[in-house]
């Protein structure tokens, strides 16, 4: 196959990561164009490729005005822009690698799917977890039939407290009205996995969750609106913005250009004026910090997902008629096997190997960043290319319906009947 030509719309962390990996796979991909509102970001992408081979643009409009410049357009802009950019790109003739979520509502996701099908275009979502060695191993066991008929799936995601603070309290996804709900913005990976591993679409769902901790009433006494204003509780605060100078500096590169080489004084100036210097208890956030969902899928499988800001890592349990599979990164961190299988008949346990290939940049998202880019040419070219439409729509549908259920609040329990004395 000829090298797959790729254009990048949105040259932030995601766009640059995909570009870097694509350029490392010599002979398979060619970056032809890059667009971003910040010139230094498009320059960073252009520098990855041979000099003069990447056309750069200062806006999406300028990119689209230039005509079709690649086989596949990577859309890595902010959530609220995904739908409009995707519609224009499909009509311009592009197949898409679209960062999740596909759009800010279920109706718009379904509209994208219908448009792509009508035009014969393909939309792959940035579901990098499908391409990690861990979930590839899980899928291989499920597909092998060793678990028998799948009956139940149970998944959990620990976002990690500082990640929650950075992205969903201070950051781009803190206000659901200008982005998407937490169960979509963060957990559409997980709802996709539930549908992908079970091989089924959702039939019904219920969900509960709320914003519990990152609220003004939980602020330490005397805490000012910004961490940079001399908070008396800073020394003991797990979310102090000054940690961007030390152990949390890696998060800063997601939002501050050139943070890797910035002086501490430059970072402090950035924190004094940016959202990431705010006290986490005094932001304008409304994203939940914990949520659960329970679902019945069309094939009869039941599935649950628990998301919390106050844990780290994902786990999965899959229970079938012949065996059970369980694992996840927290087990590996604690020194246990990352993935293991129990056979019901013999009551024996077997460790399932999770093998990661040796490749530059493989570690991102547990190997999923590299795995996704490594699979792009096969997804969009050749006899096994994915069919037209929005791949991953079932998982998005599950996430959006779960949020609708959460907002409705469920069925309240009746008041308890008072007990009579004697």
Protein backbone atom coordinates (compact mmCIF):
# COMPACT_ATOMS: atom_id res chain seq x y z
CA UNK A 1 0.00 0.00 0.00
CA UNK A 2 1.09 3.56 -0.65
CA UNK A 3 1.92 5.69 2.40
CA UNK A 4 -1.23 6.96 4.10
CA UNK A 5 -1.35 10.76 3.88
CA UNK A 6 -2.43 12.45 7.12
CA UNK A 7 -3.38 16.04 7.92
CA UNK A 8 -3.62 17.30 11.51
CA UNK A 9 -6.32 19.70 12.70
CA UNK A 10 -5.50 20.70 16.27
CA UNK A 11 -1.81 20.45 17.11
CA UNK A 12 -2.05 20.27 20.88
CA UNK A 13 -0.94 17.27 22.91
CA UNK A 14 -3.01 14.69 21.02
CA UNK A 15 -2.25 16.01 17.56
CA UNK A 16 1.48 16.22 18.21
CA UNK A 17 1.57 12.75 19.78
CA UNK A 18 -0.08 11.10 16.78
CA UNK A 19 2.17 13.06 14.40
CA UNK A 20 5.33 12.03 16.23
CA UNK A 21 4.39 8.34 16.16
CA UNK A 22 3.33 8.46 12.51
CA UNK A 23 6.66 10.00 11.52
CA UNK A 24 8.54 7.31 13.47
CA UNK A 25 6.94 4.62 11.28
CA UNK A 26 9.02 5.45 8.24
CA UNK A 27 7.51 4.72 4.85
CA UNK A 28 3.98 4.12 6.13
CA UNK A 29 2.66 7.62 6.79
CA UNK A 30 3.16 11.08 5.33
CA UNK A 31 2.14 14.22 7.25
CA UNK A 32 1.00 16.72 4.63
CA UNK A 33 -0.71 19.53 6.57
CA UNK A 34 -1.17 20.92 10.08
CA UNK A 35 -3.57 23.57 11.38
CA UNK A 36 -3.81 25.26 14.77
CA UNK A 37 -4.61 28.70 16.15
CA UNK A 38 -1.17 28.72 17.83
CA UNK A 39 1.62 28.92 15.27
CA UNK A 40 4.27 27.31 17.46
CA UNK A 41 2.18 24.13 17.58
CA UNK A 42 1.91 23.76 13.81
CA UNK A 43 5.65 24.42 13.60
CA UNK A 44 6.26 21.58 16.06
CA UNK A 45 4.37 19.18 13.78
CA UNK A 46 6.07 20.46 10.62
CA UNK A 47 9.50 19.94 12.19
CA UNK A 48 8.79 16.21 12.52
CA UNK A 49 8.66 15.73 8.74
CA UNK A 50 11.11 16.53 5.91
CA UNK A 51 11.57 20.26 5.47
CA UNK A 52 8.89 21.88 3.34
CA UNK A 53 6.66 18.79 3.17
CA UNK A 54 4.01 20.00 5.64
CA UNK A 55 1.70 22.90 4.80
CA UNK A 56 0.70 24.86 7.89
CA UNK A 57 -2.50 26.82 8.52
CA UNK A 58 -3.67 29.19 11.26
CA UNK A 59 -7.30 27.98 11.32
CA UNK A 60 -9.60 25.15 10.35
CA UNK A 61 -11.22 27.43 7.78
CA UNK A 62 -7.89 28.03 6.05
CA UNK A 63 -7.16 24.31 6.01
CA UNK A 64 -10.50 23.41 4.45
CA UNK A 65 -10.25 26.25 1.92
CA UNK A 66 -7.08 24.65 0.55
CA UNK A 67 -9.02 21.56 -0.60
CA UNK A 68 -8.37 17.93 0.28
CA UNK A 69 -4.73 17.58 1.32
CA UNK A 70 -4.60 14.01 2.70
CA UNK A 71 -6.37 10.68 2.87
CA UNK A 72 -7.17 11.03 6.58
CA UNK A 73 -7.73 14.11 8.70
CA UNK A 74 -6.91 13.84 12.40
CA UNK A 75 -9.31 16.10 14.31
CA UNK A 76 -7.83 16.83 17.73
CA UNK A 77 -9.56 20.12 18.53
CA UNK A 78 -11.70 20.86 21.60
CA UNK A 79 -14.87 18.81 22.16
CA UNK A 80 -17.31 21.55 21.17
CA UNK A 81 -15.60 21.92 17.78
CA UNK A 82 -15.57 18.23 16.82
CA UNK A 83 -18.97 18.09 15.14
CA UNK A 84 -18.56 21.13 12.91
CA UNK A 85 -15.03 20.20 11.89
CA UNK A 86 -16.05 16.61 11.21
CA UNK A 87 -19.01 17.58 9.01
CA UNK A 88 -16.87 19.90 6.89
CA UNK A 89 -14.07 17.34 6.65
CA UNK A 90 -16.42 14.54 5.53
CA UNK A 91 -17.93 16.78 2.85
CA UNK A 92 -14.38 17.70 1.77
CA UNK A 93 -13.61 14.04 1.08
CA UNK A 94 -11.60 13.08 4.16
CA UNK A 95 -11.78 9.91 6.20
CA UNK A 96 -11.35 10.82 9.87
CA UNK A 97 -9.47 9.93 12.99
CA UNK A 98 -11.66 11.92 15.37
CA UNK A 99 -10.72 12.47 18.98
CA UNK A 100 -13.43 11.38 21.38
CA UNK A 101 -16.10 12.40 21.95
CA UNK A 102 -17.38 12.52 18.39
CA UNK A 103 -19.81 15.33 19.27
CA UNK A 104 -21.43 17.03 22.23
CA UNK A 105 -24.76 15.16 21.96
CA UNK A 106 -26.02 11.74 20.97
CA UNK A 107 -28.17 13.23 18.20
CA UNK A 108 -25.09 14.80 16.62
CA UNK A 109 -23.10 11.57 16.92
CA UNK A 110 -25.88 9.76 15.06
CA UNK A 111 -25.94 12.56 12.47
CA UNK A 112 -22.20 12.09 11.86
CA UNK A 113 -22.69 8.36 11.46
CA UNK A 114 -25.49 8.88 8.91
CA UNK A 115 -23.48 11.48 6.97
CA UNK A 116 -20.39 9.29 6.83
CA UNK A 117 -22.40 6.32 5.58
CA UNK A 118 -24.10 8.40 2.91
CA UNK A 119 -20.74 9.67 1.64
CA UNK A 120 -18.91 6.35 1.98
CA UNK A 121 -16.51 7.86 4.53
CA UNK A 122 -14.98 6.27 7.61
CA UNK A 123 -14.75 7.79 11.08
CA UNK A 124 -12.44 6.10 13.58
CA UNK A 125 -12.59 7.49 17.10
CA UNK A 126 -9.49 7.96 19.24
CA UNK A 127 -10.28 4.95 21.43
CA UNK A 128 -6.65 4.19 22.18
CA UNK A 129 -7.49 1.64 24.87
CA UNK A 130 -8.64 -0.84 22.23
CA UNK A 131 -5.07 -0.81 20.94
CA UNK A 132 -3.22 -1.34 24.22
CA UNK A 133 -1.49 -4.68 24.80
CA UNK A 134 -3.70 -5.18 27.88
CA UNK A 135 -7.09 -4.81 26.20
CA UNK A 136 -5.86 -6.64 23.11
CA UNK A 137 -5.07 -9.57 25.42
CA UNK A 138 -8.52 -9.28 27.04
CA UNK A 139 -10.23 -9.25 23.64
CA UNK A 140 -8.21 -12.26 22.48
CA UNK A 141 -9.37 -14.31 25.50
CA UNK A 142 -13.00 -13.29 24.94
CA UNK A 143 -12.82 -14.14 21.23
CA UNK A 144 -11.14 -17.49 21.95
CA UNK A 145 -14.28 -18.82 23.65
CA UNK A 146 -12.42 -19.81 26.81
CA UNK A 147 -14.87 -17.86 28.95
CA UNK A 148 -17.89 -19.47 27.30
CA UNK A 149 -20.97 -17.31 26.92
CA UNK A 150 -20.32 -13.88 28.42
CA UNK A 151 -22.83 -13.08 31.19
CA UNK A 152 -21.47 -10.08 33.10
CA UNK A 153 -18.87 -7.33 32.69
CA UNK A 154 -17.70 -5.07 35.49
CA UNK A 155 -15.32 -2.16 34.86
CA UNK A 156 -13.90 0.63 36.97
CA UNK A 157 -11.87 3.73 36.26
CA UNK A 158 -9.87 5.68 38.81
CA UNK A 159 -9.19 9.07 37.22
CA UNK A 160 -6.61 10.04 39.90
CA UNK A 161 -7.23 13.10 42.06
CA UNK A 162 -4.72 15.49 40.47
CA UNK A 163 -5.78 14.44 36.96
CA UNK A 164 -9.36 15.24 37.96
CA UNK A 165 -8.26 18.61 39.29
CA UNK A 166 -6.18 19.43 36.21
CA UNK A 167 -8.67 18.41 33.51
CA UNK A 168 -12.16 18.34 35.05
CA UNK A 169 -12.00 21.02 37.77
CA UNK A 170 -9.56 23.62 36.43
CA UNK A 171 -9.32 22.52 32.83
CA UNK A 172 -11.01 22.18 29.47
CA UNK A 173 -13.66 19.69 30.60
CA UNK A 174 -14.65 21.31 33.90
CA UNK A 175 -17.93 22.77 32.58
CA UNK A 176 -20.17 20.32 30.81
CA UNK A 177 -22.05 23.06 28.97
CA UNK A 178 -18.96 23.99 26.96
CA UNK A 179 -17.57 20.47 26.60
CA UNK A 180 -19.28 17.16 27.38
CA UNK A 181 -20.36 15.36 30.58
CA UNK A 182 -17.69 13.46 32.50
CA UNK A 183 -19.13 10.06 31.55
CA UNK A 184 -18.62 11.07 27.90
CA UNK A 185 -15.47 13.21 28.09
CA UNK A 186 -13.49 10.73 30.21
CA UNK A 187 -15.38 7.46 30.31
CA UNK A 188 -16.41 7.07 26.66
CA UNK A 189 -13.26 4.91 26.51
CA UNK A 190 -14.84 2.62 29.10
CA UNK A 191 -18.36 2.57 27.67
CA UNK A 192 -16.77 1.71 24.32
CA UNK A 193 -14.90 -1.18 25.92
CA UNK A 194 -18.11 -2.55 27.44
CA UNK A 195 -19.77 -2.67 24.01
CA UNK A 196 -16.62 -3.77 22.13
CA UNK A 197 -15.79 -6.63 24.49
CA UNK A 198 -19.38 -7.85 24.74
CA UNK A 199 -20.02 -7.44 21.03
CA UNK A 200 -23.32 -5.71 21.67
CA UNK A 201 -25.10 -2.37 21.73
CA UNK A 202 -26.89 -1.06 24.86
CA UNK A 203 -30.55 -1.81 25.48
CA UNK A 204 -31.17 0.09 28.73
CA UNK A 205 -29.10 1.93 31.35
CA UNK A 206 -29.35 3.62 34.72
CA UNK A 207 -26.77 5.90 36.29
CA UNK A 208 -26.05 7.93 39.41
CA UNK A 209 -23.30 10.39 40.30
CA UNK A 210 -22.58 13.92 41.43
CA UNK A 211 -19.93 16.52 42.19
CA UNK A 212 -19.08 15.85 45.82
CA UNK A 213 -15.63 17.12 46.77
CA UNK A 214 -14.42 19.94 44.51
CA UNK A 215 -16.86 22.52 45.89
CA UNK A 216 -16.52 25.76 47.85
CA UNK A 217 -17.84 24.31 51.12
CA UNK A 218 -14.89 21.89 51.21
CA UNK A 219 -12.21 24.58 50.84
CA UNK A 220 -9.65 24.83 53.66
CA UNK A 221 -10.16 27.78 56.00
CA UNK A 222 -8.69 30.93 54.51
CA UNK A 223 -8.07 29.44 51.05
CA UNK A 224 -7.93 32.26 48.45
CA UNK A 225 -9.32 31.97 44.90
CA UNK A 226 -5.86 31.21 43.48
CA UNK A 227 -3.10 28.98 44.81
CA UNK A 228 -0.59 31.66 43.90
CA UNK A 229 -2.09 34.10 46.42
CA UNK A 230 -0.40 32.46 49.42
CA UNK A 231 -2.87 29.83 50.61
CA UNK A 232 -2.26 28.93 54.28
CA UNK A 233 -3.16 25.29 53.55
CA UNK A 234 -0.86 24.90 50.51
CA UNK A 235 1.70 22.71 52.26
CA UNK A 236 -0.89 20.04 53.00
CA UNK A 237 -3.06 20.45 49.88
CA UNK A 238 -2.94 17.54 47.41
CA UNK A 239 -4.09 19.86 44.62
CA UNK A 240 -1.77 22.85 45.12
CA UNK A 241 -0.97 24.39 41.73
CA UNK A 242 2.69 24.79 42.74
CA UNK A 243 3.07 21.05 42.15
CA UNK A 244 3.18 21.94 38.45
CA UNK A 245 6.73 23.08 39.23
CA UNK A 246 7.74 19.66 40.60
CA UNK A 247 6.08 16.24 40.42
CA UNK A 248 3.10 17.32 38.27
CA UNK A 249 5.09 19.22 35.67
CA UNK A 250 4.13 16.66 33.02
CA UNK A 251 0.53 17.84 33.16
CA UNK A 252 1.57 21.41 32.46
CA UNK A 253 2.86 20.62 28.97
CA UNK A 254 -0.73 19.80 27.98
CA UNK A 255 -1.77 23.43 28.44
CA UNK A 256 1.35 25.61 28.48
CA UNK A 257 3.51 25.85 25.37
CA UNK A 258 7.25 25.36 26.00
CA UNK A 259 6.63 24.37 29.63
CA UNK A 260 9.37 21.74 29.34
CA UNK A 261 12.02 24.44 29.04
CA UNK A 262 10.29 27.22 30.97
CA UNK A 263 11.87 28.78 34.04
CA UNK A 264 10.00 28.47 37.33
CA UNK A 265 9.28 32.21 37.22
CA UNK A 266 7.60 31.81 33.81
CA UNK A 267 5.44 28.98 35.11
CA UNK A 268 4.44 31.03 38.14
CA UNK A 269 3.42 33.89 35.86
CA UNK A 270 1.32 31.45 33.83
CA UNK A 271 -0.38 30.13 36.96
CA UNK A 272 -1.21 33.65 38.15
CA UNK A 273 -3.41 34.28 35.12
CA UNK A 274 -4.48 30.87 33.79
CA UNK A 275 -7.29 28.56 34.98
CA UNK A 276 -4.68 26.08 36.23
CA UNK A 277 -3.61 28.38 39.05
CA UNK A 278 -7.05 28.43 40.65
CA UNK A 279 -7.96 26.81 43.95
CA UNK A 280 -9.78 23.59 43.07
CA UNK A 281 -12.48 24.37 45.63
CA UNK A 282 -13.24 27.77 44.10
CA UNK A 283 -13.63 27.05 40.39
CA UNK A 284 -16.74 27.24 38.21
CA UNK A 285 -16.72 23.47 37.56
CA UNK A 286 -19.78 21.22 37.38
CA UNK A 287 -18.27 17.93 36.12
CA UNK A 288 -19.04 15.06 38.48
CA UNK A 289 -16.24 13.48 40.49
CA UNK A 290 -17.89 10.06 40.81
CA UNK A 291 -20.49 8.17 38.79
CA UNK A 292 -21.77 4.63 38.35
CA UNK A 293 -23.81 3.07 35.56
CA UNK A 294 -25.58 -0.26 35.16
CA UNK A 295 -26.62 -1.46 31.73
CA UNK A 296 -28.31 -4.31 29.96
CA UNK A 297 -26.99 -4.90 26.47
CA UNK A 298 -28.99 -6.16 23.51
CA UNK A 299 -27.46 -9.65 23.74
CA UNK A 300 -28.51 -10.01 27.40
CA UNK A 301 -25.13 -9.24 28.94
CA UNK A 302 -25.26 -7.01 32.01
CA UNK A 303 -22.49 -4.47 32.56
CA UNK A 304 -21.45 -1.99 35.22
CA UNK A 305 -18.96 0.86 35.29
CA UNK A 306 -17.76 2.82 38.28
CA UNK A 307 -15.80 6.06 37.80
CA UNK A 308 -14.19 7.92 40.66
CA UNK A 309 -11.73 10.76 40.92
CA UNK A 310 -10.29 9.16 44.05
CA UNK A 311 -8.47 6.14 42.67
CA UNK A 312 -5.91 5.49 39.93
CA UNK A 313 -6.13 3.04 37.05
CA UNK A 314 -8.65 0.84 35.28
CA UNK A 315 -9.83 -2.66 36.14
CA UNK A 316 -12.01 -5.13 34.24
CA UNK A 317 -13.84 -8.32 35.20
CA UNK A 318 -15.59 -10.52 32.64
CA UNK A 319 -17.61 -13.49 33.86
CA UNK A 320 -18.70 -16.23 31.47
CA UNK A 321 -20.20 -19.70 31.68
CA UNK A 322 -16.79 -21.41 31.44
CA UNK A 323 -14.48 -18.98 33.16
CA UNK A 324 -13.79 -15.52 34.57
CA UNK A 325 -11.17 -13.00 33.50
CA UNK A 326 -9.99 -10.15 35.69
CA UNK A 327 -7.15 -7.68 35.74
CA UNK A 328 -5.99 -4.11 35.34
CA UNK A 329 -3.14 -1.73 36.04
CA UNK A 330 -3.79 -1.46 39.82
CA UNK A 331 -3.12 -5.18 40.20
CA UNK A 332 0.17 -4.89 38.35
CA UNK A 333 1.17 -1.87 40.42
CA UNK A 334 0.49 -3.86 43.60
CA UNK A 335 2.72 -6.71 42.39
CA UNK A 336 0.04 -9.15 41.20
CA UNK A 337 -0.41 -10.44 37.64
CA UNK A 338 -1.99 -7.80 35.40
CA UNK A 339 -4.43 -10.29 33.87
CA UNK A 340 -5.52 -13.75 34.92
CA UNK A 341 -8.20 -16.32 34.15
CA UNK A 342 -10.10 -18.77 36.37
CA UNK A 343 -11.58 -21.90 34.81
CA UNK A 344 -14.80 -22.83 36.61
CA UNK A 345 -14.70 -26.60 36.04
CA UNK A 346 -11.21 -27.18 37.40
CA UNK A 347 -11.01 -24.15 39.74
CA UNK A 348 -7.58 -23.38 38.31
CA UNK A 349 -6.00 -19.97 37.77
CA UNK A 350 -3.84 -19.00 34.81
CA UNK A 351 -1.86 -15.83 34.25
CA UNK A 352 -2.54 -14.36 30.81
CA UNK A 353 0.57 -12.71 29.34
CA UNK A 354 0.35 -9.08 28.27
CA UNK A 355 3.17 -8.43 25.83
CA UNK A 356 4.07 -4.93 24.67
CA UNK A 357 6.23 -4.60 21.54
CA UNK A 358 9.39 -2.57 21.79
CA UNK A 359 8.69 0.66 19.93
CA UNK A 360 9.54 4.30 20.37
CA UNK A 361 6.79 6.20 22.14
CA UNK A 362 4.84 3.06 22.93
CA UNK A 363 4.15 3.92 26.57
CA UNK A 364 1.52 6.63 25.97
CA UNK A 365 -1.91 5.55 27.27
CA UNK A 366 -0.57 2.11 28.12
CA UNK A 367 0.69 1.63 24.58
CA UNK A 368 -2.57 2.66 22.98
CA UNK A 369 -1.24 5.80 21.30
CA UNK A 370 1.29 3.80 19.31
CA UNK A 371 -1.14 0.93 18.76
CA UNK A 372 -3.79 3.20 17.27
CA UNK A 373 -1.41 4.95 14.86
CA UNK A 374 0.17 1.60 13.96
CA UNK A 375 -3.28 0.36 12.90
CA UNK A 376 -4.38 3.42 10.88
CA UNK A 377 -3.23 2.30 7.44
CA UNK A 378 -5.05 -1.03 7.78
CA UNK A 379 -8.17 0.75 9.09
CA UNK A 380 -8.41 3.10 6.11
CA UNK A 381 -6.78 1.15 3.25
CA UNK A 382 -6.92 -2.32 1.77
CA UNK A 383 -9.37 -5.23 1.86
CA UNK A 384 -9.85 -5.17 5.65
CA UNK A 385 -10.56 -1.44 5.95
CA UNK A 386 -13.35 -0.53 8.33
CA UNK A 387 -16.79 0.02 6.78
CA UNK A 388 -18.24 3.52 6.29
CA UNK A 389 -19.79 5.16 9.33
CA UNK A 390 -18.85 6.12 12.88
CA UNK A 391 -17.04 3.24 14.51
CA UNK A 392 -17.74 3.25 18.27
CA UNK A 393 -21.22 4.77 18.12
CA UNK A 394 -22.62 2.10 20.48
CA UNK A 395 -20.28 3.12 23.29
CA UNK A 396 -21.13 6.80 22.80
CA UNK A 397 -24.82 5.94 22.91
CA UNK A 398 -24.31 4.12 26.23
CA UNK A 399 -22.44 7.10 27.71
CA UNK A 400 -24.95 9.75 26.64
CA UNK A 401 -27.92 7.66 27.81
CA UNK A 402 -26.19 7.11 31.15
CA UNK A 403 -25.84 10.87 31.59
CA UNK A 404 -29.52 11.35 30.76
CA UNK A 405 -30.37 8.80 33.45
CA UNK A 406 -28.08 10.52 35.99
CA UNK A 407 -29.75 13.87 35.40
CA UNK A 408 -33.19 12.31 35.87
CA UNK A 409 -32.06 11.09 39.28
CA UNK A 410 -33.67 7.67 39.32
CA UNK A 411 -36.78 6.60 41.22
CA UNK A 412 -36.83 7.93 44.81
CA UNK A 413 -37.43 5.40 47.54
CA UNK A 414 -40.62 5.73 49.60
CA UNK A 415 -40.29 7.23 53.06
CA UNK A 416 -39.76 4.57 55.74
CA UNK A 417 -42.82 3.59 57.73
CA UNK A 418 -42.39 4.72 61.38
CA UNK A 419 -42.14 1.82 63.82
CA UNK A 420 -44.80 1.65 66.48
CA UNK A 421 -43.74 1.46 70.11
CA UNK A 422 -44.32 -1.93 71.65
